[in-house]
Amino acid sequence: MDELLEILTDLHPDVDFETCDTLIDDKILDSFDIVSIIAEINDVFDVVIPAEEIIPENFNSAEALYDLIERLGDE
């Protein structure tokens, strides 16, 4: 989780990713951020996020995103 928080904080140092659960709903992350996050996750976690998993529920919080990474890593 620390590596994911570092990726997110590098994009938006002003956001508290440990508590925020409205990253998409409040438009904190935009489409460019999502593309950057997906690329970083691929590099750092060696996980490919398929298009059908790129939905707001998976990107609204760091916790949801980490759950996605773990689920995809187990497949």
N, C-alpha and C. Protein backbone atom coordinates (compact mmCIF):
# COMPACT_ATOMS: atom_id res chain seq x y z
N MET A 1 0.82 -1.20 0.00
CA MET A 1 0.00 0.00 0.00
C MET A 1 0.86 1.26 0.00
N ASP A 2 2.02 1.21 0.68
CA ASP A 2 2.90 2.38 0.72
C ASP A 2 3.35 2.80 -0.67
N GLU A 3 3.66 1.82 -1.51
CA GLU A 3 4.09 2.15 -2.88
C GLU A 3 2.96 2.83 -3.65
N LEU A 4 1.75 2.36 -3.47
CA LEU A 4 0.60 2.97 -4.14
C LEU A 4 0.39 4.40 -3.64
N LEU A 5 0.46 4.60 -2.35
CA LEU A 5 0.30 5.95 -1.80
C LEU A 5 1.38 6.89 -2.32
N GLU A 6 2.57 6.37 -2.50
CA GLU A 6 3.66 7.19 -3.06
C GLU A 6 3.35 7.59 -4.50
N ILE A 7 2.84 6.65 -5.30
CA ILE A 7 2.46 6.94 -6.69
C ILE A 7 1.39 8.05 -6.72
N LEU A 8 0.38 7.90 -5.88
CA LEU A 8 -0.72 8.86 -5.85
C LEU A 8 -0.26 10.22 -5.35
N THR A 9 0.56 10.23 -4.31
CA THR A 9 1.04 11.48 -3.74
C THR A 9 1.95 12.23 -4.71
N ASP A 10 2.70 11.50 -5.52
CA ASP A 10 3.53 12.15 -6.53
C ASP A 10 2.67 12.93 -7.53
N LEU A 11 1.47 12.42 -7.82
CA LEU A 11 0.56 13.10 -8.74
C LEU A 11 -0.10 14.31 -8.11
N HIS A 12 -0.55 14.16 -6.88
CA HIS A 12 -1.28 15.23 -6.17
C HIS A 12 -0.82 15.29 -4.72
N PRO A 13 0.28 15.99 -4.44
CA PRO A 13 0.82 16.05 -3.07
C PRO A 13 -0.14 16.68 -2.06
N ASP A 14 -1.11 17.43 -2.54
CA ASP A 14 -2.02 18.16 -1.65
C ASP A 14 -3.21 17.32 -1.18
N VAL A 15 -3.35 16.08 -1.66
CA VAL A 15 -4.50 15.24 -1.33
C VAL A 15 -4.12 14.21 -0.28
N ASP A 16 -5.01 14.00 0.70
CA ASP A 16 -4.80 12.96 1.71
C ASP A 16 -5.41 11.66 1.18
N PHE A 17 -4.60 10.88 0.50
CA PHE A 17 -5.08 9.66 -0.15
C PHE A 17 -5.43 8.57 0.86
N GLU A 18 -4.98 8.69 2.09
CA GLU A 18 -5.29 7.68 3.09
C GLU A 18 -6.74 7.78 3.57
N THR A 19 -7.34 8.95 3.45
CA THR A 19 -8.71 9.12 3.94
C THR A 19 -9.71 9.46 2.84
N CYS A 20 -9.27 10.02 1.74
CA CYS A 20 -10.19 10.45 0.69
C CYS A 20 -10.79 9.25 -0.04
N ASP A 21 -12.12 9.25 -0.16
CA ASP A 21 -12.78 8.16 -0.88
C ASP A 21 -13.72 8.68 -1.98
N THR A 22 -13.39 9.89 -2.46
CA THR A 22 -14.18 10.50 -3.53
C THR A 22 -13.26 11.07 -4.62
N LEU A 23 -12.20 10.34 -4.92
CA LEU A 23 -11.20 10.84 -5.87
C LEU A 23 -11.79 11.08 -7.26
N ILE A 24 -12.69 10.22 -7.68
CA ILE A 24 -13.33 10.38 -8.99
C ILE A 24 -14.56 11.26 -8.85
N ASP A 25 -15.39 10.97 -7.85
CA ASP A 25 -16.64 11.72 -7.66
C ASP A 25 -16.39 13.22 -7.52
N ASP A 26 -15.33 13.60 -6.83
CA ASP A 26 -15.01 15.02 -6.63
C ASP A 26 -14.03 15.56 -7.68
N LYS A 27 -13.78 14.77 -8.70
CA LYS A 27 -12.92 15.17 -9.82
C LYS A 27 -11.50 15.55 -9.38
N ILE A 28 -11.01 14.87 -8.34
CA ILE A 28 -9.63 15.07 -7.89
C ILE A 28 -8.68 14.43 -8.91
N LEU A 29 -9.05 13.24 -9.39
CA LEU A 29 -8.29 12.56 -10.43
C LEU A 29 -9.00 12.75 -11.77
N ASP A 30 -8.23 13.12 -12.78
CA ASP A 30 -8.81 13.24 -14.12
C ASP A 30 -8.33 12.07 -14.98
N SER A 31 -8.73 12.06 -16.23
CA SER A 31 -8.41 10.92 -17.10
C SER A 31 -6.90 10.77 -17.30
N PHE A 32 -6.18 11.88 -17.38
CA PHE A 32 -4.73 11.78 -17.52
C PHE A 32 -4.10 11.15 -16.28
N ASP A 33 -4.62 11.53 -15.10
CA ASP A 33 -4.13 10.93 -13.86
C ASP A 33 -4.37 9.42 -13.86
N ILE A 34 -5.54 9.01 -14.31
CA ILE A 34 -5.88 7.59 -14.34
C ILE A 34 -4.91 6.82 -15.23
N VAL A 35 -4.63 7.37 -16.41
CA VAL A 35 -3.68 6.73 -17.33
C VAL A 35 -2.30 6.63 -16.69
N SER A 36 -1.87 7.69 -16.03
CA SER A 36 -0.57 7.69 -15.35
C SER A 36 -0.53 6.66 -14.23
N ILE A 37 -1.60 6.59 -13.45
CA ILE A 37 -1.67 5.63 -12.34
C ILE A 37 -1.62 4.21 -12.87
N ILE A 38 -2.37 3.94 -13.91
CA ILE A 38 -2.39 2.59 -14.49
C ILE A 38 -1.00 2.19 -14.98
N ALA A 39 -0.30 3.11 -15.63
CA ALA A 39 1.05 2.82 -16.11
C ALA A 39 1.99 2.54 -14.94
N GLU A 40 1.90 3.35 -13.90
CA GLU A 40 2.77 3.16 -12.72
C GLU A 40 2.46 1.83 -12.03
N ILE A 41 1.19 1.49 -11.91
CA ILE A 41 0.81 0.22 -11.28
C ILE A 41 1.36 -0.95 -12.09
N ASN A 42 1.29 -0.83 -13.39
CA ASN A 42 1.84 -1.87 -14.26
C ASN A 42 3.34 -2.05 -13.99
N ASP A 43 4.06 -0.94 -13.88
CA ASP A 43 5.51 -1.00 -13.66
C ASP A 43 5.86 -1.49 -12.25
N VAL A 44 5.22 -0.93 -11.25
CA VAL A 44 5.59 -1.20 -9.86
C VAL A 44 5.06 -2.55 -9.37
N PHE A 45 3.80 -2.85 -9.70
CA PHE A 45 3.15 -4.05 -9.16
C PHE A 45 3.10 -5.19 -10.17
N ASP A 46 3.51 -4.93 -11.41
CA ASP A 46 3.46 -5.93 -12.48
C ASP A 46 2.05 -6.50 -12.64
N VAL A 47 1.08 -5.58 -12.63
CA VAL A 47 -0.33 -5.92 -12.77
C VAL A 47 -0.91 -5.11 -13.92
N VAL A 48 -1.64 -5.79 -14.81
CA VAL A 48 -2.30 -5.12 -15.92
C VAL A 48 -3.77 -4.93 -15.54
N ILE A 49 -4.23 -3.68 -15.60
CA ILE A 49 -5.62 -3.39 -15.29
C ILE A 49 -6.42 -3.40 -16.59
N PRO A 50 -7.31 -4.38 -16.75
CA PRO A 50 -8.09 -4.46 -17.99
C PRO A 50 -9.11 -3.32 -18.07
N ALA A 51 -9.51 -2.98 -19.28
CA ALA A 51 -10.42 -1.86 -19.52
C ALA A 51 -11.70 -1.96 -18.70
N GLU A 52 -12.23 -3.17 -18.54
CA GLU A 52 -13.50 -3.32 -17.81
C GLU A 52 -13.37 -3.02 -16.32
N GLU A 53 -12.13 -2.94 -15.82
CA GLU A 53 -11.91 -2.61 -14.41
C GLU A 53 -11.66 -1.12 -14.19
N ILE A 54 -11.60 -0.35 -15.27
CA ILE A 54 -11.38 1.10 -15.16
C ILE A 54 -12.74 1.77 -14.98
N ILE A 55 -13.23 1.66 -13.74
CA ILE A 55 -14.52 2.22 -13.37
C ILE A 55 -14.34 3.06 -12.11
N PRO A 56 -15.21 4.04 -11.89
CA PRO A 56 -15.03 4.93 -10.73
C PRO A 56 -14.89 4.21 -9.40
N GLU A 57 -15.64 3.13 -9.20
CA GLU A 57 -15.58 2.41 -7.93
C GLU A 57 -14.17 1.91 -7.60
N ASN A 58 -13.38 1.59 -8.63
CA ASN A 58 -12.03 1.07 -8.40
C ASN A 58 -10.99 2.18 -8.21
N PHE A 59 -11.37 3.43 -8.50
CA PHE A 59 -10.41 4.53 -8.43
C PHE A 59 -10.82 5.64 -7.48
N ASN A 60 -11.92 5.46 -6.74
CA ASN A 60 -12.40 6.51 -5.85
C ASN A 60 -11.57 6.65 -4.58
N SER A 61 -10.81 5.61 -4.23
CA SER A 61 -9.96 5.70 -3.04
C SER A 61 -8.71 4.85 -3.25
N ALA A 62 -7.70 5.16 -2.48
CA ALA A 62 -6.47 4.36 -2.54
C ALA A 62 -6.76 2.94 -2.10
N GLU A 63 -7.63 2.79 -1.12
CA GLU A 63 -7.96 1.46 -0.62
C GLU A 63 -8.64 0.61 -1.71
N ALA A 64 -9.59 1.22 -2.43
CA ALA A 64 -10.28 0.49 -3.52
C ALA A 64 -9.29 0.12 -4.61
N LEU A 65 -8.39 1.02 -4.90
CA LEU A 65 -7.39 0.76 -5.93
C LEU A 65 -6.44 -0.35 -5.49
N TYR A 66 -6.05 -0.33 -4.23
CA TYR A 66 -5.17 -1.38 -3.72
C TYR A 66 -5.86 -2.74 -3.72
N ASP A 67 -7.16 -2.74 -3.37
CA ASP A 67 -7.94 -3.99 -3.44
C ASP A 67 -7.95 -4.54 -4.86
N LEU A 68 -8.10 -3.65 -5.84
CA LEU A 68 -8.08 -4.06 -7.25
C LEU A 68 -6.72 -4.67 -7.60
N ILE A 69 -5.65 -4.03 -7.20
CA ILE A 69 -4.30 -4.52 -7.48
C ILE A 69 -4.12 -5.92 -6.88
N GLU A 70 -4.54 -6.08 -5.63
CA GLU A 70 -4.40 -7.40 -4.99
C GLU A 70 -5.24 -8.46 -5.69
N ARG A 71 -6.46 -8.08 -6.06
CA ARG A 71 -7.35 -9.05 -6.74
C ARG A 71 -6.76 -9.46 -8.09
N LEU A 72 -6.26 -8.50 -8.85
CA LEU A 72 -5.68 -8.82 -10.15
C LEU A 72 -4.36 -9.58 -10.01
N GLY A 73 -3.63 -9.30 -8.96
CA GLY A 73 -2.38 -10.01 -8.72
C GLY A 73 -2.59 -11.47 -8.37
N ASP A 74 -3.76 -11.77 -7.79
CA ASP A 74 -4.07 -13.14 -7.41
C ASP A 74 -4.55 -13.99 -8.60
N GLU A 75 -4.95 -13.34 -9.68
CA GLU A 75 -5.50 -14.08 -10.83
C GLU A 75 -4.41 -14.72 -11.66
